[in-house]
């Protein structure tokens, strides 16, 4: 479900923010896979640890806390992009656009 939810996040936040579909697709191409890997890196070990060590009565609170952290991460990625070695970030795109205008 992560790929579907992540795609829905990028598209819905982009559309609600007034972005054009072409801009949303560009961001999806750049940020989808790194964001998905980040989600898997967050949730897989967390789920293993939670179901092993956290009592059932506290699991909802712990999951909600991790969901808050995930929301902050996704909001940051949506605003700033995610930088991987060898890939351009959104800041690089903005610098390139400013340089072209000058």
C-alpha atoms as a PDB file:
ATOM      1  CA  UNK A   1       0.000   0.000   0.000  1.00  0.00           C
ATOM      2  CA  UNK A   2       2.965   2.358   0.446  1.00  0.00           C
ATOM      3  CA  UNK A   3       3.418   3.030  -3.305  1.00  0.00           C
ATOM      4  CA  UNK A   4      -0.275   3.870  -3.754  1.00  0.00           C
ATOM      5  CA  UNK A   5      -0.419   6.093  -0.684  1.00  0.00           C
ATOM      6  CA  UNK A   6       2.820   7.851  -1.579  1.00  0.00           C
ATOM      7  CA  UNK A   7       1.613   8.561  -5.111  1.00  0.00           C
ATOM      8  CA  UNK A   8      -1.683   9.855  -3.740  1.00  0.00           C
ATOM      9  CA  UNK A   9       0.220  12.090  -1.312  1.00  0.00           C
ATOM     10  CA  UNK A  10       2.387  13.721  -3.988  1.00  0.00           C
ATOM     11  CA  UNK A  11      -0.518  14.184  -6.410  1.00  0.00           C
ATOM     12  CA  UNK A  12      -3.092  15.459  -3.907  1.00  0.00           C
ATOM     13  CA  UNK A  13      -0.743  17.855  -2.112  1.00  0.00           C
ATOM     14  CA  UNK A  14       0.531  19.122  -5.454  1.00  0.00           C
ATOM     15  CA  UNK A  15      -2.949  19.718  -6.846  1.00  0.00           C
ATOM     16  CA  UNK A  16      -4.166  21.359  -3.641  1.00  0.00           C
ATOM     17  CA  UNK A  17      -1.052  23.548  -3.698  1.00  0.00           C
ATOM     18  CA  UNK A  18      -1.886  24.788  -7.192  1.00  0.00           C
ATOM     19  CA  UNK A  19       0.866  22.930  -9.027  1.00  0.00           C
ATOM     20  CA  UNK A  20       0.407  21.865 -12.619  1.00  0.00           C
ATOM     21  CA  UNK A  21       0.180  18.150 -13.339  1.00  0.00           C
ATOM     22  CA  UNK A  22       3.411  18.293 -15.340  1.00  0.00           C
ATOM     23  CA  UNK A  23       5.248  19.692 -12.300  1.00  0.00           C
ATOM     24  CA  UNK A  24       3.786  17.003 -10.089  1.00  0.00           C
ATOM     25  CA  UNK A  25       4.923  14.296 -12.498  1.00  0.00           C
ATOM     26  CA  UNK A  26       8.442  15.761 -12.581  1.00  0.00           C
ATOM     27  CA  UNK A  27       8.588  15.653  -8.786  1.00  0.00           C
ATOM     28  CA  UNK A  28       7.214  12.107  -8.758  1.00  0.00           C
ATOM     29  CA  UNK A  29       9.959  11.001 -11.150  1.00  0.00           C
ATOM     30  CA  UNK A  30      12.622  12.593  -8.954  1.00  0.00           C
ATOM     31  CA  UNK A  31      11.361  11.903  -5.449  1.00  0.00           C
ATOM     32  CA  UNK A  32       9.079   8.853  -5.562  1.00  0.00           C
ATOM     33  CA  UNK A  33      11.653   6.065  -5.397  1.00  0.00           C
ATOM     34  CA  UNK A  34      13.883   7.695  -2.744  1.00  0.00           C
ATOM     35  CA  UNK A  35      10.782   8.529  -0.676  1.00  0.00           C
ATOM     36  CA  UNK A  36       9.519   4.968  -0.994  1.00  0.00           C
ATOM     37  CA  UNK A  37      12.887   3.587   0.144  1.00  0.00           C
ATOM     38  CA  UNK A  38      12.821   6.001   3.078  1.00  0.00           C
ATOM     39  CA  UNK A  39       9.328   4.765   3.997  1.00  0.00           C
ATOM     40  CA  UNK A  40      10.467   1.148   3.866  1.00  0.00           C
ATOM     41  CA  UNK A  41      13.571   2.012   5.919  1.00  0.00           C
ATOM     42  CA  UNK A  42      11.350   3.656   8.539  1.00  0.00           C
ATOM     43  CA  UNK A  43       8.428   1.252   8.758  1.00  0.00           C
ATOM     44  CA  UNK A  44      10.025  -2.191   8.340  1.00  0.00           C
ATOM     45  CA  UNK A  45      12.360  -2.073  11.351  1.00  0.00           C
ATOM     46  CA  UNK A  46       9.809  -0.109  13.345  1.00  0.00           C
ATOM     47  CA  UNK A  47       7.083  -2.722  12.764  1.00  0.00           C
ATOM     48  CA  UNK A  48       9.429  -5.552  13.697  1.00  0.00           C
ATOM     49  CA  UNK A  49      10.475  -3.798  16.902  1.00  0.00           C
ATOM     50  CA  UNK A  50       6.987  -2.668  17.811  1.00  0.00           C
ATOM     51  CA  UNK A  51       5.315  -6.056  17.481  1.00  0.00           C
ATOM     52  CA  UNK A  52       8.195  -7.663  19.379  1.00  0.00           C
ATOM     53  CA  UNK A  53       8.651  -5.246  22.277  1.00  0.00           C
ATOM     54  CA  UNK A  54       5.744  -2.804  22.656  1.00  0.00           C
ATOM     55  CA  UNK A  55       2.707  -3.983  24.649  1.00  0.00           C
ATOM     56  CA  UNK A  56      -0.522  -4.017  22.650  1.00  0.00           C
ATOM     57  CA  UNK A  57      -2.091  -1.306  24.787  1.00  0.00           C
ATOM     58  CA  UNK A  58       0.699   1.136  23.794  1.00  0.00           C
ATOM     59  CA  UNK A  59       1.027   0.207  20.117  1.00  0.00           C
ATOM     60  CA  UNK A  60      -1.526   2.743  18.875  1.00  0.00           C
ATOM     61  CA  UNK A  61       0.271   5.619  20.600  1.00  0.00           C
ATOM     62  CA  UNK A  62       3.632   4.497  19.209  1.00  0.00           C
ATOM     63  CA  UNK A  63       2.273   4.067  15.661  1.00  0.00           C
ATOM     64  CA  UNK A  64       0.666   7.522  15.785  1.00  0.00           C
ATOM     65  CA  UNK A  65       3.995   9.018  16.873  1.00  0.00           C
ATOM     66  CA  UNK A  66       5.785   7.379  13.955  1.00  0.00           C
ATOM     67  CA  UNK A  67       3.003   8.560  11.605  1.00  0.00           C
ATOM     68  CA  UNK A  68       3.638  12.115  12.794  1.00  0.00           C
ATOM     69  CA  UNK A  69       7.359  11.729  12.076  1.00  0.00           C
ATOM     70  CA  UNK A  70       6.544  10.264   8.656  1.00  0.00           C
ATOM     71  CA  UNK A  71       4.221  13.193   7.882  1.00  0.00           C
ATOM     72  CA  UNK A  72       6.944  15.679   8.755  1.00  0.00           C
ATOM     73  CA  UNK A  73       9.432  13.810   6.539  1.00  0.00           C
ATOM     74  CA  UNK A  74       7.023  13.669   3.595  1.00  0.00           C
ATOM     75  CA  UNK A  75       6.143  17.349   3.951  1.00  0.00           C
ATOM     76  CA  UNK A  76       9.832  18.237   3.929  1.00  0.00           C
ATOM     77  CA  UNK A  77      10.446  16.079   0.863  1.00  0.00           C
ATOM     78  CA  UNK A  78       7.436  17.594  -0.921  1.00  0.00           C
ATOM     79  CA  UNK A  79       8.723  21.106  -0.227  1.00  0.00           C
ATOM     80  CA  UNK A  80      12.450  20.603  -0.717  1.00  0.00           C
ATOM     81  CA  UNK A  81      12.900  17.327  -2.553  1.00  0.00           C
ATOM     82  CA  UNK A  82      15.224  14.595  -1.403  1.00  0.00           C
ATOM     83  CA  UNK A  83      18.893  14.658  -2.309  1.00  0.00           C
ATOM     84  CA  UNK A  84      20.724  11.470  -3.113  1.00  0.00           C
ATOM     85  CA  UNK A  85      24.361  11.312  -4.179  1.00  0.00           C
ATOM     86  CA  UNK A  86      24.538  11.847  -7.930  1.00  0.00           C
ATOM     87  CA  UNK A  87      21.036  13.335  -8.195  1.00  0.00           C
ATOM     88  CA  UNK A  88      19.963  16.958  -8.407  1.00  0.00           C
ATOM     89  CA  UNK A  89      17.825  18.399  -5.635  1.00  0.00           C
ATOM     90  CA  UNK A  90      14.987  20.900  -6.012  1.00  0.00           C
ATOM     91  CA  UNK A  91      17.381  23.611  -4.838  1.00  0.00           C
ATOM     92  CA  UNK A  92      19.616  22.811  -7.832  1.00  0.00           C
ATOM     93  CA  UNK A  93      16.586  23.137 -10.120  1.00  0.00           C
ATOM     94  CA  UNK A  94      15.712  26.518  -8.621  1.00  0.00           C
ATOM     95  CA  UNK A  95      19.292  27.739  -9.063  1.00  0.00           C
ATOM     96  CA  UNK A  96      19.277  26.537 -12.692  1.00  0.00           C
ATOM     97  CA  UNK A  97      16.005  28.357 -13.382  1.00  0.00           C
ATOM     98  CA  UNK A  98      17.318  31.598 -11.832  1.00  0.00           C
ATOM     99  CA  UNK A  99      20.521  31.335 -13.847  1.00  0.00           C
ATOM    100  CA  UNK A 100      18.535  30.899 -17.082  1.00  0.00           C
ATOM    101  CA  UNK A 101      16.448  34.016 -16.308  1.00  0.00           C
ATOM    102  CA  UNK A 102      19.563  36.132 -15.770  1.00  0.00           C
END
